[in-house]
């Protein structure tokens, strides 16, 4: 079976123990294995928004839950529409 040889030759070394068996079992039901590229926070726009949010929250040195929620509400107004797209 082509899928088994592919999973065994390429995917198995990168998968945790037991995952290759899951991939093979899924192939029996018509499922297929999709290799994703390595994760990069630079390619994910929400990561940049979280960096900005965390920096602004740290600068305020908030110590209570109520103050935290108020600050998040105020900080959200600082994001531009372009930062919120995508």
C-alpha atoms as a PDB file:
ATOM      1  CA  UNK A   1       0.000   0.000   0.000  1.00  0.00           C
ATOM      2  CA  UNK A   2       1.540   3.281  -1.125  1.00  0.00           C
ATOM      3  CA  UNK A   3       0.283   5.234   1.873  1.00  0.00           C
ATOM      4  CA  UNK A   4       1.840   2.802   4.362  1.00  0.00           C
ATOM      5  CA  UNK A   5       5.213   2.981   2.668  1.00  0.00           C
ATOM      6  CA  UNK A   6       5.021   6.793   2.542  1.00  0.00           C
ATOM      7  CA  UNK A   7       4.008   7.067   6.200  1.00  0.00           C
ATOM      8  CA  UNK A   8       6.663   4.601   7.248  1.00  0.00           C
ATOM      9  CA  UNK A   9       9.423   6.235   5.218  1.00  0.00           C
ATOM     10  CA  UNK A  10       8.699   9.916   5.728  1.00  0.00           C
ATOM     11  CA  UNK A  11       6.138  10.633   8.432  1.00  0.00           C
ATOM     12  CA  UNK A  12       6.939   8.069  11.088  1.00  0.00           C
ATOM     13  CA  UNK A  13      10.297   9.480  12.220  1.00  0.00           C
ATOM     14  CA  UNK A  14       8.674  12.883  12.824  1.00  0.00           C
ATOM     15  CA  UNK A  15       5.615  11.509  14.627  1.00  0.00           C
ATOM     16  CA  UNK A  16       5.302  10.549  18.260  1.00  0.00           C
ATOM     17  CA  UNK A  17       5.256   6.884  19.167  1.00  0.00           C
ATOM     18  CA  UNK A  18       2.008   5.279  18.001  1.00  0.00           C
ATOM     19  CA  UNK A  19       1.038   8.032  15.585  1.00  0.00           C
ATOM     20  CA  UNK A  20       2.151   6.083  12.495  1.00  0.00           C
ATOM     21  CA  UNK A  21      -0.350   3.373  13.425  1.00  0.00           C
ATOM     22  CA  UNK A  22      -3.083   6.026  13.631  1.00  0.00           C
ATOM     23  CA  UNK A  23      -2.144   7.318  10.195  1.00  0.00           C
ATOM     24  CA  UNK A  24      -2.254   3.789   8.761  1.00  0.00           C
ATOM     25  CA  UNK A  25      -5.598   3.071  10.462  1.00  0.00           C
ATOM     26  CA  UNK A  26      -7.082   6.257   9.031  1.00  0.00           C
ATOM     27  CA  UNK A  27      -5.986   5.254   5.539  1.00  0.00           C
ATOM     28  CA  UNK A  28      -8.189   2.178   5.843  1.00  0.00           C
ATOM     29  CA  UNK A  29     -11.207   4.478   6.158  1.00  0.00           C
ATOM     30  CA  UNK A  30     -10.229   6.578   3.172  1.00  0.00           C
ATOM     31  CA  UNK A  31      -8.538   9.316   5.210  1.00  0.00           C
ATOM     32  CA  UNK A  32      -5.354  10.890   3.906  1.00  0.00           C
ATOM     33  CA  UNK A  33      -2.319  12.378   5.583  1.00  0.00           C
ATOM     34  CA  UNK A  34      -1.544  16.070   5.043  1.00  0.00           C
ATOM     35  CA  UNK A  35       1.915  17.365   5.899  1.00  0.00           C
ATOM     36  CA  UNK A  36       1.822  20.954   7.080  1.00  0.00           C
ATOM     37  CA  UNK A  37       4.731  23.397   6.823  1.00  0.00           C
ATOM     38  CA  UNK A  38       6.595  24.295  10.010  1.00  0.00           C
ATOM     39  CA  UNK A  39       4.723  26.804  12.175  1.00  0.00           C
ATOM     40  CA  UNK A  40       5.921  30.385  11.965  1.00  0.00           C
ATOM     41  CA  UNK A  41       4.409  33.115  14.158  1.00  0.00           C
ATOM     42  CA  UNK A  42       5.669  35.672  11.623  1.00  0.00           C
ATOM     43  CA  UNK A  43       3.156  34.300   9.120  1.00  0.00           C
ATOM     44  CA  UNK A  44       0.220  34.433  11.534  1.00  0.00           C
ATOM     45  CA  UNK A  45      -1.231  37.958  11.913  1.00  0.00           C
ATOM     46  CA  UNK A  46      -2.951  37.176  15.227  1.00  0.00           C
ATOM     47  CA  UNK A  47       0.456  36.548  16.817  1.00  0.00           C
ATOM     48  CA  UNK A  48       1.496  40.139  16.123  1.00  0.00           C
ATOM     49  CA  UNK A  49      -1.758  41.394  17.687  1.00  0.00           C
ATOM     50  CA  UNK A  50      -1.149  39.292  20.810  1.00  0.00           C
ATOM     51  CA  UNK A  51       2.387  40.684  21.100  1.00  0.00           C
ATOM     52  CA  UNK A  52       0.984  44.217  21.027  1.00  0.00           C
ATOM     53  CA  UNK A  53      -1.812  43.374  23.493  1.00  0.00           C
ATOM     54  CA  UNK A  54       0.584  41.750  25.978  1.00  0.00           C
ATOM     55  CA  UNK A  55       3.053  44.649  25.793  1.00  0.00           C
ATOM     56  CA  UNK A  56       0.324  47.208  26.440  1.00  0.00           C
ATOM     57  CA  UNK A  57      -1.073  45.158  29.346  1.00  0.00           C
ATOM     58  CA  UNK A  58       2.376  44.758  30.924  1.00  0.00           C
ATOM     59  CA  UNK A  59       2.971  48.497  30.686  1.00  0.00           C
ATOM     60  CA  UNK A  60      -0.141  49.119  32.768  1.00  0.00           C
ATOM     61  CA  UNK A  61       0.930  46.715  35.558  1.00  0.00           C
ATOM     62  CA  UNK A  62      -2.658  45.711  36.313  1.00  0.00           C
ATOM     63  CA  UNK A  63      -3.288  43.740  39.510  1.00  0.00           C
ATOM     64  CA  UNK A  64      -7.055  42.992  39.571  1.00  0.00           C
ATOM     65  CA  UNK A  65      -9.387  41.081  37.268  1.00  0.00           C
ATOM     66  CA  UNK A  66     -11.787  44.032  36.941  1.00  0.00           C
ATOM     67  CA  UNK A  67      -8.945  46.366  35.977  1.00  0.00           C
ATOM     68  CA  UNK A  68      -7.682  43.764  33.517  1.00  0.00           C
ATOM     69  CA  UNK A  69     -11.013  43.588  31.673  1.00  0.00           C
ATOM     70  CA  UNK A  70     -11.320  47.384  31.613  1.00  0.00           C
ATOM     71  CA  UNK A  71      -7.796  47.664  30.220  1.00  0.00           C
ATOM     72  CA  UNK A  72      -8.450  45.046  27.544  1.00  0.00           C
ATOM     73  CA  UNK A  73     -11.523  47.014  26.463  1.00  0.00           C
ATOM     74  CA  UNK A  74      -9.507  50.223  26.271  1.00  0.00           C
ATOM     75  CA  UNK A  75      -6.572  48.552  24.505  1.00  0.00           C
ATOM     76  CA  UNK A  76      -8.821  46.987  21.869  1.00  0.00           C
ATOM     77  CA  UNK A  77      -9.685  50.506  20.733  1.00  0.00           C
ATOM     78  CA  UNK A  78      -5.972  51.057  19.968  1.00  0.00           C
ATOM     79  CA  UNK A  79      -5.918  48.368  17.248  1.00  0.00           C
ATOM     80  CA  UNK A  80      -6.332  49.651  13.706  1.00  0.00           C
ATOM     81  CA  UNK A  81      -8.760  47.988  11.271  1.00  0.00           C
ATOM     82  CA  UNK A  82      -5.752  46.791   9.258  1.00  0.00           C
ATOM     83  CA  UNK A  83      -4.409  44.929  12.301  1.00  0.00           C
ATOM     84  CA  UNK A  84      -7.779  43.206  12.710  1.00  0.00           C
ATOM     85  CA  UNK A  85      -8.130  42.059   9.102  1.00  0.00           C
ATOM     86  CA  UNK A  86      -7.470  38.543   7.906  1.00  0.00           C
END
